[in-house]
Protein backbone atom coordinates (compact mmCIF):
# COMPACT_ATOMS: atom_id res chain seq x y z
CA MET A 1 -47.15 101.57 -16.41
CA LYS A 2 -44.38 103.38 -14.48
CA ALA A 3 -45.01 104.74 -11.22
CA GLU A 4 -44.89 108.49 -11.18
CA LEU A 5 -42.81 110.25 -8.52
CA PRO A 6 -44.15 113.36 -7.13
CA SER A 7 -42.59 116.32 -8.88
CA HIS A 8 -41.79 118.17 -5.70
CA PHE A 9 -38.73 116.09 -4.98
CA PRO A 10 -35.58 117.77 -6.38
CA ALA A 11 -33.38 115.69 -8.44
CA GLU A 12 -30.44 116.22 -6.01
CA VAL A 13 -32.37 114.65 -3.13
CA LEU A 14 -33.42 111.65 -5.30
CA GLU A 15 -29.73 111.12 -6.33
CA GLN A 16 -28.50 111.39 -2.71
CA ARG A 17 -31.20 108.75 -1.66
CA ALA A 18 -30.22 106.47 -4.48
CA ALA A 19 -26.51 106.80 -3.69
CA GLU A 20 -27.25 105.96 -0.10
CA GLN A 21 -29.30 102.94 -1.09
CA ARG A 22 -26.57 101.67 -3.31
CA ARG A 23 -24.03 102.14 -0.53
CA ARG A 24 -26.17 100.27 1.92
CA LEU A 25 -26.83 97.51 -0.50
CA ARG A 26 -22.94 97.14 -1.24
CA ASN A 27 -22.33 97.07 2.55
CA SER A 28 -25.00 94.39 3.01
CA VAL A 29 -23.57 92.37 0.19
CA SER A 30 -20.07 92.64 1.58
CA ASP A 31 -21.22 91.62 5.13
CA PHE A 32 -23.09 88.68 3.69
CA ARG A 33 -20.03 87.45 1.67
CA SER A 34 -17.74 87.90 4.66
CA SER A 35 -20.13 85.93 6.85
CA LEU A 36 -20.40 83.17 4.20
CA SER A 37 -16.55 83.00 4.04
CA GLY A 38 -16.31 82.48 7.82
CA LEU A 39 -18.99 79.80 7.73
CA LYS A 40 -17.38 78.00 4.82
CA SER A 41 -13.94 77.86 6.58
CA ALA A 42 -15.57 76.73 9.94
CA VAL A 43 -17.46 73.86 7.99
CA GLU A 44 -14.21 72.80 6.04
CA GLN A 45 -12.32 72.65 9.35
CA ASN A 46 -15.03 70.62 10.98
CA VAL A 47 -15.17 68.13 8.01
CA ARG A 48 -11.43 67.86 8.03
CA GLU A 49 -11.41 66.95 11.83
CA ARG A 50 -14.18 64.47 11.48
CA LEU A 51 -12.75 62.61 8.47
CA ASP A 52 -9.02 62.56 9.59
CA PRO A 53 -8.04 58.97 8.97
CA ASN A 54 -5.46 58.99 11.65
CA ARG A 55 -7.79 60.09 14.37
CA LEU A 56 -10.45 57.73 13.26
CA ALA A 57 -8.05 54.80 13.32
CA ARG A 58 -6.74 55.73 16.79
CA ARG A 59 -10.48 56.21 17.92
CA HIS A 60 -11.62 52.89 16.63
CA MET A 61 -8.52 50.73 16.94
CA TRP A 62 -10.24 47.77 18.77
CA ARG A 63 -12.96 47.71 16.30
CA LEU A 64 -10.64 47.67 13.41
CA ALA A 65 -8.37 44.93 15.06
CA ALA A 66 -11.50 42.83 15.87
CA GLY A 67 -12.77 43.11 12.28
CA ALA A 68 -9.46 42.23 10.80
CA SER A 69 -9.04 39.19 13.16
CA LEU A 70 -12.57 38.02 12.26
CA ILE A 71 -11.77 38.34 8.47
CA ALA A 72 -8.49 36.44 9.07
CA LEU A 73 -10.11 33.65 10.99
CA VAL A 74 -12.80 33.13 8.33
CA ALA A 75 -10.36 33.22 5.54
CA GLY A 76 -7.94 30.77 7.48
CA HIS A 77 -10.87 28.51 8.09
CA GLY A 78 -11.96 28.47 4.47
CA ILE A 79 -8.39 27.90 3.28
CA ALA A 80 -7.77 25.11 5.79
CA GLY A 81 -11.03 23.45 4.63
CA PHE A 82 -9.90 23.70 1.04
CA PHE A 83 -6.89 21.57 1.74
CA THR A 84 -8.23 19.15 4.24
CA ARG A 85 -11.48 18.07 2.31
CA ARG A 86 -11.87 14.34 2.27
């Protein structure tokens, strides 16, 4: 069952209202898309900055060096033990 519009509204007025509503809807969608685009670029930039390998290596250089040294020490000890077993 369709809702009946009162017959006292002229067709021109209804057409103008519909056109205005379509224009407002298009503007809202356009504004929403532009805000999403801005948000997307900001998120992409943030991710690039946080996952930059050069920046991470510079920031955690001592940890990387300590980890590599520990691995080398354990590997060296294991290899030396392999050759010096009695």
